[in-house]
Amino acid sequence: RSFLYGVAPNKPLFLLLLDTHSLKTVLLDLPSIGSQVLRKAPASYTKIVVKGMTRAEMILKVVMAPHEPPVVFVDNYIKLLADGNPETFQKILDMKGLKRSEQSSMLELFRQRLPTPPSGPDAGPALSFSAPTPEQESSRIRKLEKLIKKRIQ
């Protein structure tokens, strides 16, 4: 998903969204390409591909959305990406090409609109909106690579 942050200005976003959808389709079909027997991809592979590519699609949809009114934009971001990380939100604002003055007010609004986790003994498990760590992302990619290599051999 980090590759999207530097690519957006070079290509119309709706085309990137179409490309992302096409890439997702190809990745889902990849385990059976070249196989004479039509097999369904392993569930773990499908889950990883769908999760990663859906996130990329959601990032593009948020960037394509109008940023006015700001409250609607921020709520839409939180709903679509479920990411409470201000750095990620900042990258989205950079992709949109917003001026720093606009970004600071949007970031403040973003921090205000984040759902607060319940507190107290009866609170139950807290929702986590943090982005996966680089180690988690690397682990997912390694699992995906192993699945692909296993299917090719």
C-alpha atoms as a PDB file:
ATOM      1  CA  ARG A   1       0.000   0.000   0.000  1.00  0.00           C
ATOM      2  CA  SER A   2       2.877   2.411   0.568  1.00  0.00           C
ATOM      3  CA  PHE A   3       3.604   2.418  -3.170  1.00  0.00           C
ATOM      4  CA  LEU A   4       0.405   4.410  -3.690  1.00  0.00           C
ATOM      5  CA  TYR A   5       1.687   7.418  -1.776  1.00  0.00           C
ATOM      6  CA  GLY A   6       4.235   8.357  -4.432  1.00  0.00           C
ATOM      7  CA  VAL A   7       2.349   7.305  -7.565  1.00  0.00           C
ATOM      8  CA  ALA A   8      -0.907   9.233  -7.486  1.00  0.00           C
ATOM      9  CA  PRO A   9       0.209  12.506  -9.126  1.00  0.00           C
ATOM     10  CA  ASN A  10       1.454  10.691 -12.237  1.00  0.00           C
ATOM     11  CA  LYS A  11      -1.808   9.068 -13.305  1.00  0.00           C
ATOM     12  CA  PRO A  12      -5.506   9.915 -12.974  1.00  0.00           C
ATOM     13  CA  LEU A  13      -6.777   8.266  -9.814  1.00  0.00           C
ATOM     14  CA  PHE A  14      -9.754   6.569 -11.423  1.00  0.00           C
ATOM     15  CA  LEU A  15      -7.310   4.762 -13.741  1.00  0.00           C
ATOM     16  CA  LEU A  16      -5.232   3.685 -10.748  1.00  0.00           C
ATOM     17  CA  LEU A  17      -8.418   2.385  -9.150  1.00  0.00           C
ATOM     18  CA  LEU A  18      -9.206   0.367 -12.282  1.00  0.00           C
ATOM     19  CA  ASP A  19      -5.624  -0.919 -12.395  1.00  0.00           C
ATOM     20  CA  THR A  20      -5.833  -1.911  -8.732  1.00  0.00           C
ATOM     21  CA  HIS A  21      -9.019  -3.860  -9.357  1.00  0.00           C
ATOM     22  CA  SER A  22      -7.453  -5.592 -12.378  1.00  0.00           C
ATOM     23  CA  LEU A  23      -4.340  -6.437 -10.373  1.00  0.00           C
ATOM     24  CA  LYS A  24      -6.496  -7.906  -7.611  1.00  0.00           C
ATOM     25  CA  THR A  25      -8.283 -10.094 -10.160  1.00  0.00           C
ATOM     26  CA  VAL A  26      -4.985 -11.320 -11.635  1.00  0.00           C
ATOM     27  CA  LEU A  27      -3.518 -12.026  -8.197  1.00  0.00           C
ATOM     28  CA  LEU A  28      -6.598 -14.029  -7.223  1.00  0.00           C
ATOM     29  CA  ASP A  29      -6.270 -16.100 -10.425  1.00  0.00           C
ATOM     30  CA  LEU A  30      -2.491 -16.474 -10.116  1.00  0.00           C
ATOM     31  CA  PRO A  31      -2.430 -19.809  -8.237  1.00  0.00           C
ATOM     32  CA  SER A  32      -4.300 -21.549 -11.066  1.00  0.00           C
ATOM     33  CA  ILE A  33      -2.491 -19.944 -14.025  1.00  0.00           C
ATOM     34  CA  GLY A  34      -0.738 -22.626 -16.035  1.00  0.00           C
ATOM     35  CA  SER A  35      -2.443 -25.410 -14.145  1.00  0.00           C
ATOM     36  CA  GLN A  36      -4.371 -27.940 -16.177  1.00  0.00           C
ATOM     37  CA  VAL A  37      -6.658 -28.552 -13.244  1.00  0.00           C
ATOM     38  CA  LEU A  38      -8.852 -25.645 -12.250  1.00  0.00           C
ATOM     39  CA  ARG A  39      -8.189 -25.218  -8.546  1.00  0.00           C
ATOM     40  CA  LYS A  40      -9.442 -22.735  -6.071  1.00  0.00           C
ATOM     41  CA  ALA A  41      -6.728 -20.621  -4.446  1.00  0.00           C
ATOM     42  CA  PRO A  42      -5.947 -21.389  -0.791  1.00  0.00           C
ATOM     43  CA  ALA A  43      -8.171 -19.421   1.560  1.00  0.00           C
ATOM     44  CA  SER A  44      -5.175 -17.834   3.297  1.00  0.00           C
ATOM     45  CA  TYR A  45      -3.805 -16.582  -0.039  1.00  0.00           C
ATOM     46  CA  THR A  46      -7.192 -15.205  -1.075  1.00  0.00           C
ATOM     47  CA  LYS A  47      -7.606 -13.490   2.284  1.00  0.00           C
ATOM     48  CA  ILE A  48      -4.195 -11.781   2.066  1.00  0.00           C
ATOM     49  CA  VAL A  49      -4.762 -10.609  -1.518  1.00  0.00           C
ATOM     50  CA  VAL A  50      -8.285  -9.352  -0.859  1.00  0.00           C
ATOM     51  CA  LYS A  51      -7.281  -7.536   2.325  1.00  0.00           C
ATOM     52  CA  GLY A  52      -4.245  -5.833   0.792  1.00  0.00           C
ATOM     53  CA  MET A  53      -5.847  -4.865  -2.480  1.00  0.00           C
ATOM     54  CA  THR A  54      -9.077  -3.717  -0.834  1.00  0.00           C
ATOM     55  CA  ARG A  55      -7.035  -1.385   1.352  1.00  0.00           C
ATOM     56  CA  ALA A  56      -5.325   0.034  -1.751  1.00  0.00           C
ATOM     57  CA  GLU A  57      -8.745   0.548  -3.368  1.00  0.00           C
ATOM     58  CA  MET A  58     -10.052   2.291  -0.238  1.00  0.00           C
ATOM     59  CA  ILE A  59      -7.021   4.608  -0.147  1.00  0.00           C
ATOM     60  CA  LEU A  60      -7.691   5.623  -3.739  1.00  0.00           C
ATOM     61  CA  LYS A  61     -11.405   6.148  -3.061  1.00  0.00           C
ATOM     62  CA  VAL A  62     -10.613   8.403  -0.102  1.00  0.00           C
ATOM     63  CA  VAL A  63      -8.108  10.421  -2.147  1.00  0.00           C
ATOM     64  CA  MET A  64     -10.658  10.791  -4.962  1.00  0.00           C
ATOM     65  CA  ALA A  65     -13.389  11.993  -2.572  1.00  0.00           C
ATOM     66  CA  PRO A  66     -13.958  15.747  -2.207  1.00  0.00           C
ATOM     67  CA  HIS A  67     -12.467  17.196   0.983  1.00  0.00           C
ATOM     68  CA  GLU A  68     -15.344  19.630   1.476  1.00  0.00           C
ATOM     69  CA  PRO A  69     -17.067  19.561   3.900  1.00  0.00           C
ATOM     70  CA  PRO A  70     -14.102  18.487   6.041  1.00  0.00           C
ATOM     71  CA  VAL A  71     -16.232  16.611   8.605  1.00  0.00           C
ATOM     72  CA  VAL A  72     -17.678  14.370   5.900  1.00  0.00           C
ATOM     73  CA  PHE A  73     -14.214  13.723   4.443  1.00  0.00           C
ATOM     74  CA  VAL A  74     -12.720  12.806   7.837  1.00  0.00           C
ATOM     75  CA  ASP A  75     -15.656  10.562   8.758  1.00  0.00           C
ATOM     76  CA  ASN A  76     -15.459   8.879   5.355  1.00  0.00           C
ATOM     77  CA  TYR A  77     -11.718   8.266   5.854  1.00  0.00           C
ATOM     78  CA  ILE A  78     -12.281   6.733   9.291  1.00  0.00           C
ATOM     79  CA  LYS A  79     -15.123   4.560   7.969  1.00  0.00           C
ATOM     80  CA  LEU A  80     -13.340   3.325   4.839  1.00  0.00           C
ATOM     81  CA  LEU A  81      -9.826   2.832   6.200  1.00  0.00           C
ATOM     82  CA  ALA A  82     -10.411   2.284   9.925  1.00  0.00           C
ATOM     83  CA  ASP A  83      -6.969   3.773  10.516  1.00  0.00           C
ATOM     84  CA  GLY A  84      -6.471   6.096  13.464  1.00  0.00           C
ATOM     85  CA  ASN A  85      -2.857   6.855  12.597  1.00  0.00           C
ATOM     86  CA  PRO A  86      -2.382  10.613  11.989  1.00  0.00           C
ATOM     87  CA  GLU A  87       0.679   9.914   9.797  1.00  0.00           C
ATOM     88  CA  THR A  88      -1.409   7.837   7.395  1.00  0.00           C
ATOM     89  CA  PHE A  89      -4.078  10.537   7.315  1.00  0.00           C
ATOM     90  CA  GLN A  90      -1.330  13.107   6.608  1.00  0.00           C
ATOM     91  CA  LYS A  91      -0.127  11.016   3.643  1.00  0.00           C
ATOM     92  CA  ILE A  92      -3.679  10.923   2.278  1.00  0.00           C
ATOM     93  CA  LEU A  93      -3.885  14.719   2.554  1.00  0.00           C
ATOM     94  CA  ASP A  94      -0.519  14.996   0.764  1.00  0.00           C
ATOM     95  CA  MET A  95      -1.829  12.760  -2.025  1.00  0.00           C
ATOM     96  CA  LYS A  96      -4.850  15.046  -2.363  1.00  0.00           C
ATOM     97  CA  GLY A  97      -2.477  17.978  -2.820  1.00  0.00           C
ATOM     98  CA  LEU A  98      -3.902  20.032   0.047  1.00  0.00           C
ATOM     99  CA  LYS A  99      -1.955  23.036   1.323  1.00  0.00           C
ATOM    100  CA  ARG A 100      -0.296  22.731   4.740  1.00  0.00           C
ATOM    101  CA  SER A 101      -2.723  25.272   6.211  1.00  0.00           C
ATOM    102  CA  GLU A 102      -5.681  23.138   5.107  1.00  0.00           C
ATOM    103  CA  GLN A 103      -3.948  19.998   6.322  1.00  0.00           C
ATOM    104  CA  SER A 104      -3.411  21.285   9.857  1.00  0.00           C
ATOM    105  CA  SER A 105      -7.106  22.043  10.361  1.00  0.00           C
ATOM    106  CA  MET A 106      -8.048  18.673   8.810  1.00  0.00           C
ATOM    107  CA  LEU A 107      -5.593  16.860  11.115  1.00  0.00           C
ATOM    108  CA  GLU A 108      -7.065  18.582  14.150  1.00  0.00           C
ATOM    109  CA  LEU A 109     -10.564  17.617  13.050  1.00  0.00           C
ATOM    110  CA  PHE A 110      -9.332  14.058  12.427  1.00  0.00           C
ATOM    111  CA  ARG A 111      -7.978  13.793  15.977  1.00  0.00           C
ATOM    112  CA  GLN A 112     -11.271  15.097  17.374  1.00  0.00           C
ATOM    113  CA  ARG A 113     -13.399  12.661  15.342  1.00  0.00           C
ATOM    114  CA  LEU A 114     -11.488   9.489  16.228  1.00  0.00           C
ATOM    115  CA  PRO A 115     -13.618   7.110  18.274  1.00  0.00           C
ATOM    116  CA  THR A 116     -12.440   6.956  21.865  1.00  0.00           C
ATOM    117  CA  PRO A 117     -11.995   3.468  23.283  1.00  0.00           C
ATOM    118  CA  PRO A 118     -14.247   2.681  26.251  1.00  0.00           C
ATOM    119  CA  SER A 119     -12.586   2.722  29.646  1.00  0.00           C
ATOM    120  CA  GLY A 120     -13.262   1.032  32.943  1.00  0.00           C
ATOM    121  CA  PRO A 121     -13.525  -2.582  34.116  1.00  0.00           C
ATOM    122  CA  ASP A 122     -16.555  -3.402  31.919  1.00  0.00           C
ATOM    123  CA  ALA A 123     -15.075  -1.867  28.780  1.00  0.00           C
ATOM    124  CA  GLY A 124     -14.201  -5.086  26.976  1.00  0.00           C
ATOM    125  CA  PRO A 125     -11.599  -5.284  24.243  1.00  0.00           C
ATOM    126  CA  ALA A 126     -10.561  -1.974  22.744  1.00  0.00           C
ATOM    127  CA  LEU A 127     -10.739  -1.409  19.016  1.00  0.00           C
ATOM    128  CA  SER A 128      -7.380  -0.862  17.413  1.00  0.00           C
ATOM    129  CA  PHE A 129      -7.127   1.475  14.452  1.00  0.00           C
ATOM    130  CA  SER A 130      -3.357   1.345  14.198  1.00  0.00           C
ATOM    131  CA  ALA A 131      -1.747   0.414  10.935  1.00  0.00           C
ATOM    132  CA  PRO A 132       0.116  -2.879  10.759  1.00  0.00           C
ATOM    133  CA  THR A 133       3.762  -2.666  11.725  1.00  0.00           C
ATOM    134  CA  PRO A 134       6.421  -3.121   9.034  1.00  0.00           C
ATOM    135  CA  GLU A 135       7.225  -6.511  10.585  1.00  0.00           C
ATOM    136  CA  GLN A 136       3.589  -7.624  10.223  1.00  0.00           C
ATOM    137  CA  GLU A 137       3.477  -6.410   6.614  1.00  0.00           C
ATOM    138  CA  SER A 138       6.768  -8.192   5.857  1.00  0.00           C
ATOM    139  CA  SER A 139       5.448 -11.389   7.417  1.00  0.00           C
ATOM    140  CA  ARG A 140       2.311 -11.222   5.276  1.00  0.00           C
ATOM    141  CA  ILE A 141       4.357 -10.687   2.147  1.00  0.00           C
ATOM    142  CA  ARG A 142       6.630 -13.642   2.987  1.00  0.00           C
ATOM    143  CA  LYS A 143       3.589 -15.871   3.510  1.00  0.00           C
ATOM    144  CA  LEU A 144       2.187 -14.747   0.173  1.00  0.00           C
ATOM    145  CA  GLU A 145       5.512 -15.421  -1.567  1.00  0.00           C
ATOM    146  CA  LYS A 146       5.700 -18.919  -0.043  1.00  0.00           C
ATOM    147  CA  LEU A 147       2.169 -19.692  -1.203  1.00  0.00           C
ATOM    148  CA  ILE A 148       2.970 -18.554  -4.730  1.00  0.00           C
ATOM    149  CA  LYS A 149       6.237 -20.527  -4.867  1.00  0.00           C
ATOM    150  CA  LYS A 150       4.497 -23.622  -3.526  1.00  0.00           C
ATOM    151  CA  ARG A 151       1.798 -23.409  -6.206  1.00  0.00           C
ATOM    152  CA  ILE A 152       4.286 -22.844  -9.021  1.00  0.00           C
ATOM    153  CA  GLN A 153       6.447 -25.862  -8.112  1.00  0.00           C
END
